[in-house]
Amino acid sequence: MFFIHGDADGVRLAHIAEMFRLKGGEIHGDLKPRSASRLAILPDTIHVTRMQRIPIIVPMVNGFLDAKPQPCYGSRRLPNAKFVPASSRSPESSKERSVA
């Protein structure tokens, strides 16, 4: 679900944030896969002037509709990568890695 609201809209921002949270938002994307839901708060925008923000809204909506599940970036691991502790790596392998 994609929530698009103005910062000066008639809906309280706390209510918008709660709706977003209930639809899976408010996930720390560095540590877990990000939610499929998105939240956009448009600056200096009220309910009526939101339609004047179409040049900003359309690319966000297109990105949302075209989105694929987001990976977790916190682990920085590739799906098939094996963890090798630094203590068990040879000094030669780290030299090769830094040159490449």
C-alpha atoms as a PDB file:
ATOM      1  CA  MET A   1       0.000   0.000   0.000  1.00  0.00           C
ATOM      2  CA  PHE A   2       1.300   3.465  -0.870  1.00  0.00           C
ATOM      3  CA  PHE A   3       0.311   6.353   1.411  1.00  0.00           C
ATOM      4  CA  ILE A   4       0.694   9.823  -0.136  1.00  0.00           C
ATOM      5  CA  HIS A   5      -0.249  12.761   2.044  1.00  0.00           C
ATOM      6  CA  GLY A   6       0.591  16.432   2.427  1.00  0.00           C
ATOM      7  CA  ASP A   7       2.323  17.785   5.500  1.00  0.00           C
ATOM      8  CA  ALA A   8      -0.452  20.380   5.881  1.00  0.00           C
ATOM      9  CA  ASP A   9      -3.288  18.006   4.975  1.00  0.00           C
ATOM     10  CA  GLY A  10      -6.390  17.575   7.116  1.00  0.00           C
ATOM     11  CA  VAL A  11      -5.193  14.208   8.426  1.00  0.00           C
ATOM     12  CA  ARG A  12      -2.942  14.161  11.487  1.00  0.00           C
ATOM     13  CA  LEU A  13       0.598  12.977  10.668  1.00  0.00           C
ATOM     14  CA  ALA A  14       0.486  10.644  13.678  1.00  0.00           C
ATOM     15  CA  HIS A  15      -2.582   8.947  12.176  1.00  0.00           C
ATOM     16  CA  ILE A  16      -0.852   8.569   8.783  1.00  0.00           C
ATOM     17  CA  ALA A  17       2.217   7.066  10.468  1.00  0.00           C
ATOM     18  CA  GLU A  18       0.018   4.621  12.397  1.00  0.00           C
ATOM     19  CA  MET A  19      -1.782   3.502   9.213  1.00  0.00           C
ATOM     20  CA  PHE A  20       1.594   2.988   7.538  1.00  0.00           C
ATOM     21  CA  ARG A  21       2.860   0.984  10.516  1.00  0.00           C
ATOM     22  CA  LEU A  22      -0.246  -1.220  10.506  1.00  0.00           C
ATOM     23  CA  LYS A  23       0.345  -2.021   6.820  1.00  0.00           C
ATOM     24  CA  GLY A  24       3.879  -3.271   7.463  1.00  0.00           C
ATOM     25  CA  GLY A  25       5.767  -0.004   7.361  1.00  0.00           C
ATOM     26  CA  GLU A  26       8.179   1.317   9.968  1.00  0.00           C
ATOM     27  CA  ILE A  27      10.700  -1.481   9.369  1.00  0.00           C
ATOM     28  CA  HIS A  28      14.364  -0.637   9.832  1.00  0.00           C
ATOM     29  CA  GLY A  29      15.436  -1.415   6.253  1.00  0.00           C
ATOM     30  CA  ASP A  30      19.115  -1.757   7.108  1.00  0.00           C
ATOM     31  CA  LEU A  31      18.441  -4.792   9.264  1.00  0.00           C
ATOM     32  CA  LYS A  32      15.427  -6.495   7.678  1.00  0.00           C
ATOM     33  CA  PRO A  33      13.900  -6.638   4.208  1.00  0.00           C
ATOM     34  CA  ARG A  34      11.902  -3.483   3.664  1.00  0.00           C
ATOM     35  CA  SER A  35       8.126  -3.381   3.685  1.00  0.00           C
ATOM     36  CA  ALA A  36       6.153  -3.467   0.449  1.00  0.00           C
ATOM     37  CA  SER A  37       4.212  -0.465   1.789  1.00  0.00           C
ATOM     38  CA  ARG A  38       5.513   3.041   1.206  1.00  0.00           C
ATOM     39  CA  LEU A  39       4.881   6.428   2.738  1.00  0.00           C
ATOM     40  CA  ALA A  40       5.312   9.833   1.117  1.00  0.00           C
ATOM     41  CA  ILE A  41       4.692  13.092   2.958  1.00  0.00           C
ATOM     42  CA  LEU A  42       4.755  15.978   0.475  1.00  0.00           C
ATOM     43  CA  PRO A  43       6.042  19.303   1.833  1.00  0.00           C
ATOM     44  CA  ASP A  44       3.846  22.409   1.794  1.00  0.00           C
ATOM     45  CA  THR A  45       0.899  20.366   0.510  1.00  0.00           C
ATOM     46  CA  ILE A  46      -2.746  20.211   1.516  1.00  0.00           C
ATOM     47  CA  HIS A  47      -5.491  17.885   0.301  1.00  0.00           C
ATOM     48  CA  VAL A  48      -6.481  20.212  -2.565  1.00  0.00           C
ATOM     49  CA  THR A  49      -2.967  21.167  -3.736  1.00  0.00           C
ATOM     50  CA  ARG A  50      -1.800  17.559  -3.861  1.00  0.00           C
ATOM     51  CA  MET A  51      -2.953  17.447  -7.512  1.00  0.00           C
ATOM     52  CA  GLN A  52      -0.435  20.220  -8.260  1.00  0.00           C
ATOM     53  CA  ARG A  53       2.287  17.766  -7.199  1.00  0.00           C
ATOM     54  CA  ILE A  54       1.624  15.318 -10.060  1.00  0.00           C
ATOM     55  CA  PRO A  55       5.182  15.734 -11.465  1.00  0.00           C
ATOM     56  CA  ILE A  56       6.491  14.505  -8.098  1.00  0.00           C
ATOM     57  CA  ILE A  57       3.812  11.885  -7.425  1.00  0.00           C
ATOM     58  CA  VAL A  58       3.772  10.064 -10.782  1.00  0.00           C
ATOM     59  CA  PRO A  59       7.426   8.861 -10.670  1.00  0.00           C
ATOM     60  CA  MET A  60       6.939   7.681  -7.070  1.00  0.00           C
ATOM     61  CA  VAL A  61       3.793   5.758  -7.987  1.00  0.00           C
ATOM     62  CA  ASN A  62       5.468   4.222 -11.048  1.00  0.00           C
ATOM     63  CA  GLY A  63       8.420   3.168  -8.884  1.00  0.00           C
ATOM     64  CA  PHE A  64       6.036   1.642  -6.358  1.00  0.00           C
ATOM     65  CA  LEU A  65       4.085  -0.278  -9.003  1.00  0.00           C
ATOM     66  CA  ASP A  66       7.288  -1.552 -10.658  1.00  0.00           C
ATOM     67  CA  ALA A  67       9.039  -2.416  -7.382  1.00  0.00           C
ATOM     68  CA  LYS A  68      10.421  -5.831  -6.581  1.00  0.00           C
ATOM     69  CA  PRO A  69      10.975  -7.089  -3.027  1.00  0.00           C
ATOM     70  CA  GLN A  70      13.814  -5.170  -1.406  1.00  0.00           C
ATOM     71  CA  PRO A  71      16.845  -6.972   0.027  1.00  0.00           C
ATOM     72  CA  CYS A  72      18.259  -6.472   3.473  1.00  0.00           C
ATOM     73  CA  TYR A  73      21.378  -4.323   3.185  1.00  0.00           C
ATOM     74  CA  GLY A  74      22.499  -4.622   6.795  1.00  0.00           C
ATOM     75  CA  SER A  75      24.029  -8.060   6.438  1.00  0.00           C
ATOM     76  CA  ARG A  76      25.933  -7.175   3.241  1.00  0.00           C
ATOM     77  CA  ARG A  77      25.985 -10.841   2.326  1.00  0.00           C
ATOM     78  CA  LEU A  78      25.258 -12.320  -1.045  1.00  0.00           C
ATOM     79  CA  PRO A  79      22.701 -15.147  -1.038  1.00  0.00           C
ATOM     80  CA  ASN A  80      25.286 -17.896  -1.767  1.00  0.00           C
ATOM     81  CA  ALA A  81      28.252 -16.326   0.035  1.00  0.00           C
ATOM     82  CA  LYS A  82      29.949 -18.177   2.857  1.00  0.00           C
ATOM     83  CA  PHE A  83      31.252 -16.327   5.878  1.00  0.00           C
ATOM     84  CA  VAL A  84      34.974 -16.785   6.482  1.00  0.00           C
ATOM     85  CA  PRO A  85      36.223 -15.293   9.764  1.00  0.00           C
ATOM     86  CA  ALA A  86      39.143 -12.883   9.358  1.00  0.00           C
ATOM     87  CA  SER A  87      41.252 -15.024  11.674  1.00  0.00           C
ATOM     88  CA  SER A  88      41.115 -17.946   9.240  1.00  0.00           C
ATOM     89  CA  ARG A  89      41.936 -15.950   6.082  1.00  0.00           C
ATOM     90  CA  SER A  90      45.441 -16.101   4.714  1.00  0.00           C
ATOM     91  CA  PRO A  91      47.385 -12.817   4.350  1.00  0.00           C
ATOM     92  CA  GLU A  92      47.857 -13.555   0.632  1.00  0.00           C
ATOM     93  CA  SER A  93      44.108 -13.684  -0.033  1.00  0.00           C
ATOM     94  CA  SER A  94      43.535 -10.283   1.571  1.00  0.00           C
ATOM     95  CA  LYS A  95      46.370  -8.762  -0.530  1.00  0.00           C
ATOM     96  CA  GLU A  96      44.802 -10.151  -3.700  1.00  0.00           C
ATOM     97  CA  ARG A  97      41.391  -8.805  -2.707  1.00  0.00           C
ATOM     98  CA  SER A  98      42.704  -5.295  -2.034  1.00  0.00           C
ATOM     99  CA  VAL A  99      44.498  -5.121  -5.404  1.00  0.00           C
ATOM    100  CA  ALA A 100      41.509  -6.329  -7.416  1.00  0.00           C
END
